[in-house]
Amino acid sequence: MPAKSQAQQKAAGAALAAKRGETQKSDLQGASRDMEASMTEAELEDLASTRRKGKPEHVRKD
């Protein structure tokens, strides 16, 4: 599942780093904290590896 926005991709990257132990989980905020707790490493890697080019910075919820 590719990321829908640059913000989602960045949050997934931060959550992935925390899950791998490269950063501390206590440093996570907002969506990245939720992602780290609820997604597997493979799911996070899939989101984080999405290219940012052509993606909007944020996608508004309707």
PDB file of N, CA and C in Angstrom:
ATOM      1  N   MET A   1       0.846  -1.161   0.000  1.00  0.00           N
ATOM      2  CA  MET A   1       0.000   0.000   0.000  1.00  0.00           C
ATOM      3  C   MET A   1       0.901   1.237   0.000  1.00  0.00           C
ATOM      4  N   PRO A   2       0.922   1.982  -1.064  1.00  0.00           N
ATOM      5  CA  PRO A   2       1.776   3.175  -1.109  1.00  0.00           C
ATOM      6  C   PRO A   2       1.181   4.323  -0.280  1.00  0.00           C
ATOM      7  N   ALA A   3       2.042   5.186   0.192  1.00  0.00           N
ATOM      8  CA  ALA A   3       1.602   6.354   0.952  1.00  0.00           C
ATOM      9  C   ALA A   3       0.828   7.292   0.045  1.00  0.00           C
ATOM     10  N   LYS A   4      -0.165   7.983   0.611  1.00  0.00           N
ATOM     11  CA  LYS A   4      -0.992   8.897  -0.164  1.00  0.00           C
ATOM     12  C   LYS A   4      -0.478  10.328  -0.111  1.00  0.00           C
ATOM     13  N   SER A   5       0.408  10.613   0.830  1.00  0.00           N
ATOM     14  CA  SER A   5       0.955  11.961   0.949  1.00  0.00           C
ATOM     15  C   SER A   5       2.384  11.903   1.468  1.00  0.00           C
ATOM     16  N   GLN A   6       3.076  13.019   1.324  1.00  0.00           N
ATOM     17  CA  GLN A   6       4.446  13.103   1.830  1.00  0.00           C
ATOM     18  C   GLN A   6       4.461  12.975   3.348  1.00  0.00           C
ATOM     19  N   ALA A   7       3.473  13.550   4.013  1.00  0.00           N
ATOM     20  CA  ALA A   7       3.419  13.498   5.476  1.00  0.00           C
ATOM     21  C   ALA A   7       3.254  12.063   5.959  1.00  0.00           C
ATOM     22  N   GLN A   8       2.427  11.280   5.272  1.00  0.00           N
ATOM     23  CA  GLN A   8       2.227   9.888   5.645  1.00  0.00           C
ATOM     24  C   GLN A   8       3.515   9.090   5.441  1.00  0.00           C
ATOM     25  N   GLN A   9       4.233   9.370   4.375  1.00  0.00           N
ATOM     26  CA  GLN A   9       5.480   8.684   4.086  1.00  0.00           C
ATOM     27  C   GLN A   9       6.534   9.001   5.148  1.00  0.00           C
ATOM     28  N   LYS A  10       6.607  10.266   5.543  1.00  0.00           N
ATOM     29  CA  LYS A  10       7.576  10.673   6.563  1.00  0.00           C
ATOM     30  C   LYS A  10       7.250  10.038   7.919  1.00  0.00           C
ATOM     31  N   ALA A  11       5.963   9.995   8.271  1.00  0.00           N
ATOM     32  CA  ALA A  11       5.546   9.401   9.538  1.00  0.00           C
ATOM     33  C   ALA A  11       5.866   7.911   9.559  1.00  0.00           C
ATOM     34  N   ALA A  12       5.660   7.238   8.443  1.00  0.00           N
ATOM     35  CA  ALA A  12       5.973   5.818   8.361  1.00  0.00           C
ATOM     36  C   ALA A  12       7.474   5.587   8.507  1.00  0.00           C
ATOM     37  N   GLY A  13       8.279   6.461   7.933  1.00  0.00           N
ATOM     38  CA  GLY A  13       9.728   6.349   8.067  1.00  0.00           C
ATOM     39  C   GLY A  13      10.180   6.514   9.507  1.00  0.00           C
ATOM     40  N   ALA A  14       9.585   7.454  10.215  1.00  0.00           N
ATOM     41  CA  ALA A  14       9.927   7.664  11.621  1.00  0.00           C
ATOM     42  C   ALA A  14       9.510   6.462  12.461  1.00  0.00           C
ATOM     43  N   ALA A  15       8.318   5.922  12.195  1.00  0.00           N
ATOM     44  CA  ALA A  15       7.832   4.762  12.936  1.00  0.00           C
ATOM     45  C   ALA A  15       8.702   3.536  12.654  1.00  0.00           C
ATOM     46  N   LEU A  16       9.123   3.390  11.410  1.00  0.00           N
ATOM     47  CA  LEU A  16       9.981   2.266  11.038  1.00  0.00           C
ATOM     48  C   LEU A  16      11.324   2.341  11.755  1.00  0.00           C
ATOM     49  N   ALA A  17      11.893   3.531  11.836  1.00  0.00           N
ATOM     50  CA  ALA A  17      13.165   3.699  12.535  1.00  0.00           C
ATOM     51  C   ALA A  17      13.024   3.336  14.012  1.00  0.00           C
ATOM     52  N   ALA A  18      11.909   3.716  14.626  1.00  0.00           N
ATOM     53  CA  ALA A  18      11.692   3.387  16.033  1.00  0.00           C
ATOM     54  C   ALA A  18      11.480   1.889  16.218  1.00  0.00           C
ATOM     55  N   LYS A  19      10.755   1.267  15.303  1.00  0.00           N
ATOM     56  CA  LYS A  19      10.509  -0.172  15.399  1.00  0.00           C
ATOM     57  C   LYS A  19      11.802  -0.961  15.259  1.00  0.00           C
ATOM     58  N   ARG A  20      12.723  -0.475  14.442  1.00  0.00           N
ATOM     59  CA  ARG A  20      14.013  -1.141  14.249  1.00  0.00           C
ATOM     60  C   ARG A  20      15.007  -0.824  15.362  1.00  0.00           C
ATOM     61  N   GLY A  21      14.677   0.144  16.227  1.00  0.00           N
ATOM     62  CA  GLY A  21      15.555   0.497  17.330  1.00  0.00           C
ATOM     63  C   GLY A  21      16.578   1.564  16.980  1.00  0.00           C
ATOM     64  N   GLU A  22      16.425   2.191  15.816  1.00  0.00           N
ATOM     65  CA  GLU A  22      17.364   3.234  15.404  1.00  0.00           C
ATOM     66  C   GLU A  22      17.096   4.557  16.111  1.00  0.00           C
ATOM     67  N   THR A  23      15.857   4.783  16.526  1.00  0.00           N
ATOM     68  CA  THR A  23      15.487   5.952  17.328  1.00  0.00           C
ATOM     69  C   THR A  23      14.627   5.457  18.484  1.00  0.00           C
ATOM     70  N   GLN A  24      14.416   6.323  19.461  1.00  0.00           N
ATOM     71  CA  GLN A  24      13.632   5.926  20.619  1.00  0.00           C
ATOM     72  C   GLN A  24      12.136   6.088  20.334  1.00  0.00           C
ATOM     73  N   LYS A  25      11.352   5.152  20.828  1.00  0.00           N
ATOM     74  CA  LYS A  25       9.898   5.209  20.638  1.00  0.00           C
ATOM     75  C   LYS A  25       9.303   6.433  21.323  1.00  0.00           C
ATOM     76  N   SER A  26       9.926   6.889  22.387  1.00  0.00           N
ATOM     77  CA  SER A  26       9.416   8.054  23.110  1.00  0.00           C
ATOM     78  C   SER A  26       9.565   9.343  22.309  1.00  0.00           C
ATOM     79  N   ASP A  27      10.388   9.338  21.265  1.00  0.00           N
ATOM     80  CA  ASP A  27      10.557  10.517  20.414  1.00  0.00           C
ATOM     81  C   ASP A  27       9.441  10.657  19.389  1.00  0.00           C
ATOM     82  N   LEU A  28       8.637   9.611  19.198  1.00  0.00           N
ATOM     83  CA  LEU A  28       7.564   9.652  18.205  1.00  0.00           C
ATOM     84  C   LEU A  28       6.404  10.507  18.682  1.00  0.00           C
ATOM     85  N   GLN A  29       5.737  11.141  17.711  1.00  0.00           N
ATOM     86  CA  GLN A  29       4.577  11.972  18.023  1.00  0.00           C
ATOM     87  C   GLN A  29       3.477  11.702  17.007  1.00  0.00           C
ATOM     88  N   GLY A  30       2.237  11.856  17.434  1.00  0.00           N
ATOM     89  CA  GLY A  30       1.099  11.804  16.532  1.00  0.00           C
ATOM     90  C   GLY A  30       0.953  10.499  15.769  1.00  0.00           C
ATOM     91  N   ALA A  31       0.806  10.623  14.453  1.00  0.00           N
ATOM     92  CA  ALA A  31       0.530   9.471  13.593  1.00  0.00           C
ATOM     93  C   ALA A  31       1.648   8.445  13.617  1.00  0.00           C
ATOM     94  N   SER A  32       2.890   8.897  13.709  1.00  0.00           N
ATOM     95  CA  SER A  32       4.001   7.946  13.702  1.00  0.00           C
ATOM     96  C   SER A  32       3.966   7.052  14.941  1.00  0.00           C
ATOM     97  N   ARG A  33       3.516   7.576  16.069  1.00  0.00           N
ATOM     98  CA  ARG A  33       3.397   6.776  17.293  1.00  0.00           C
ATOM     99  C   ARG A  33       2.322   5.702  17.110  1.00  0.00           C
ATOM    100  N   ASP A  34       1.189   6.089  16.505  1.00  0.00           N
ATOM    101  CA  ASP A  34       0.116   5.131  16.252  1.00  0.00           C
ATOM    102  C   ASP A  34       0.548   4.072  15.240  1.00  0.00           C
ATOM    103  N   MET A  35       1.247   4.505  14.200  1.00  0.00           N
ATOM    104  CA  MET A  35       1.719   3.568  13.176  1.00  0.00           C
ATOM    105  C   MET A  35       2.678   2.542  13.768  1.00  0.00           C
ATOM    106  N   GLU A  36       3.587   2.980  14.601  1.00  0.00           N
ATOM    107  CA  GLU A  36       4.594   2.086  15.189  1.00  0.00           C
ATOM    108  C   GLU A  36       3.913   0.997  16.006  1.00  0.00           C
ATOM    109  N   ALA A  37       2.852   1.360  16.715  1.00  0.00           N
ATOM    110  CA  ALA A  37       2.178   0.404  17.582  1.00  0.00           C
ATOM    111  C   ALA A  37       1.273  -0.555  16.820  1.00  0.00           C
ATOM    112  N   SER A  38       0.703  -0.107  15.707  1.00  0.00           N
ATOM    113  CA  SER A  38      -0.332  -0.906  15.057  1.00  0.00           C
ATOM    114  C   SER A  38       0.093  -1.606  13.765  1.00  0.00           C
ATOM    115  N   MET A  39       1.263  -1.277  13.220  1.00  0.00           N
ATOM    116  CA  MET A  39       1.662  -1.845  11.931  1.00  0.00           C
ATOM    117  C   MET A  39       2.912  -2.709  12.083  1.00  0.00           C
ATOM    118  N   THR A  40       3.053  -3.665  11.180  1.00  0.00           N
ATOM    119  CA  THR A  40       4.239  -4.512  11.180  1.00  0.00           C
ATOM    120  C   THR A  40       5.387  -3.772  10.493  1.00  0.00           C
ATOM    121  N   GLU A  41       6.580  -4.291  10.667  1.00  0.00           N
ATOM    122  CA  GLU A  41       7.754  -3.677  10.043  1.00  0.00           C
ATOM    123  C   GLU A  41       7.627  -3.708   8.511  1.00  0.00           C
ATOM    124  N   ALA A  42       7.079  -4.776   7.973  1.00  0.00           N
ATOM    125  CA  ALA A  42       6.920  -4.890   6.515  1.00  0.00           C
ATOM    126  C   ALA A  42       5.932  -3.847   5.985  1.00  0.00           C
ATOM    127  N   GLU A  43       4.839  -3.625   6.711  1.00  0.00           N
ATOM    128  CA  GLU A  43       3.856  -2.621   6.294  1.00  0.00           C
ATOM    129  C   GLU A  43       4.463  -1.222   6.343  1.00  0.00           C
ATOM    130  N   LEU A  44       5.209  -0.942   7.402  1.00  0.00           N
ATOM    131  CA  LEU A  44       5.851   0.360   7.528  1.00  0.00           C
ATOM    132  C   LEU A  44       6.887   0.567   6.430  1.00  0.00           C
ATOM    133  N   GLU A  45       7.634  -0.468   6.119  1.00  0.00           N
ATOM    134  CA  GLU A  45       8.645  -0.371   5.066  1.00  0.00           C
ATOM    135  C   GLU A  45       7.997  -0.070   3.720  1.00  0.00           C
ATOM    136  N   ASP A  46       6.845  -0.680   3.459  1.00  0.00           N
ATOM    137  CA  ASP A  46       6.121  -0.440   2.217  1.00  0.00           C
ATOM    138  C   ASP A  46       5.670   1.020   2.122  1.00  0.00           C
ATOM    139  N   LEU A  47       5.135   1.556   3.201  1.00  0.00           N
ATOM    140  CA  LEU A  47       4.714   2.964   3.207  1.00  0.00           C
ATOM    141  C   LEU A  47       5.901   3.915   3.110  1.00  0.00           C
ATOM    142  N   ALA A  48       6.952   3.621   3.854  1.00  0.00           N
ATOM    143  CA  ALA A  48       8.103   4.516   3.902  1.00  0.00           C
ATOM    144  C   ALA A  48       8.883   4.536   2.590  1.00  0.00           C
ATOM    145  N   SER A  49       8.799   3.463   1.822  1.00  0.00           N
ATOM    146  CA  SER A  49       9.572   3.402   0.586  1.00  0.00           C
ATOM    147  C   SER A  49       8.879   4.080  -0.594  1.00  0.00           C
ATOM    148  N   THR A  50       7.686   4.607  -0.384  1.00  0.00           N
ATOM    149  CA  THR A  50       6.949   5.307  -1.436  1.00  0.00           C
ATOM    150  C   THR A  50       7.707   6.559  -1.859  1.00  0.00           C
ATOM    151  N   ARG A  51       7.766   6.806  -3.160  1.00  0.00           N
ATOM    152  CA  ARG A  51       8.420   8.014  -3.651  1.00  0.00           C
ATOM    153  C   ARG A  51       7.578   9.242  -3.295  1.00  0.00           C
ATOM    154  N   ARG A  52       8.250  10.327  -2.929  1.00  0.00           N
ATOM    155  CA  ARG A  52       7.554  11.558  -2.559  1.00  0.00           C
ATOM    156  C   ARG A  52       7.197  12.414  -3.761  1.00  0.00           C
ATOM    157  N   LYS A  53       7.931  12.246  -4.849  1.00  0.00           N
ATOM    158  CA  LYS A  53       7.723  13.097  -6.014  1.00  0.00           C
ATOM    159  C   LYS A  53       6.296  12.935  -6.541  1.00  0.00           C
ATOM    160  N   GLY A  54       5.604  14.057  -6.692  1.00  0.00           N
ATOM    161  CA  GLY A  54       4.241  14.048  -7.204  1.00  0.00           C
ATOM    162  C   GLY A  54       3.177  13.852  -6.146  1.00  0.00           C
ATOM    163  N   LYS A  55       3.572  13.626  -4.900  1.00  0.00           N
ATOM    164  CA  LYS A  55       2.614  13.438  -3.825  1.00  0.00           C
ATOM    165  C   LYS A  55       2.335  14.789  -3.171  1.00  0.00           C
ATOM    166  N   PRO A  56       1.091  15.022  -2.753  1.00  0.00           N
ATOM    167  CA  PRO A  56       0.795  16.251  -2.015  1.00  0.00           C
ATOM    168  C   PRO A  56       1.415  16.172  -0.617  1.00  0.00           C
ATOM    169  N   GLU A  57       1.670  17.325  -0.002  1.00  0.00           N
ATOM    170  CA  GLU A  57       2.235  17.343   1.343  1.00  0.00           C
ATOM    171  C   GLU A  57       1.242  16.708   2.336  1.00  0.00           C
ATOM    172  N   HIS A  58      -0.024  17.063   2.230  1.00  0.00           N
ATOM    173  CA  HIS A  58      -1.055  16.517   3.110  1.00  0.00           C
ATOM    174  C   HIS A  58      -2.281  16.173   2.279  1.00  0.00           C
ATOM    175  N   VAL A  59      -3.035  15.169   2.727  1.00  0.00           N
ATOM    176  CA  VAL A  59      -4.308  14.822   2.104  1.00  0.00           C
ATOM    177  C   VAL A  59      -5.373  15.087   3.146  1.00  0.00           C
ATOM    178  N   ARG A  60      -6.344  15.858   2.777  1.00  0.00           N
ATOM    179  CA  ARG A  60      -7.392  16.246   3.709  1.00  0.00           C
ATOM    180  C   ARG A  60      -8.409  15.125   3.872  1.00  0.00           C
ATOM    181  N   LYS A  61      -8.826  14.860   5.112  1.00  0.00           N
ATOM    182  CA  LYS A  61      -9.855  13.865   5.394  1.00  0.00           C
ATOM    183  C   LYS A  61     -11.217  14.479   5.086  1.00  0.00           C
ATOM    184  N   ASP A  62     -12.076  13.695   4.468  1.00  0.00           N
ATOM    185  CA  ASP A  62     -13.435  14.183   4.190  1.00  0.00           C
ATOM    186  C   ASP A  62     -14.459  13.432   4.984  1.00  0.00           C
TER     187      ASP A  62
END
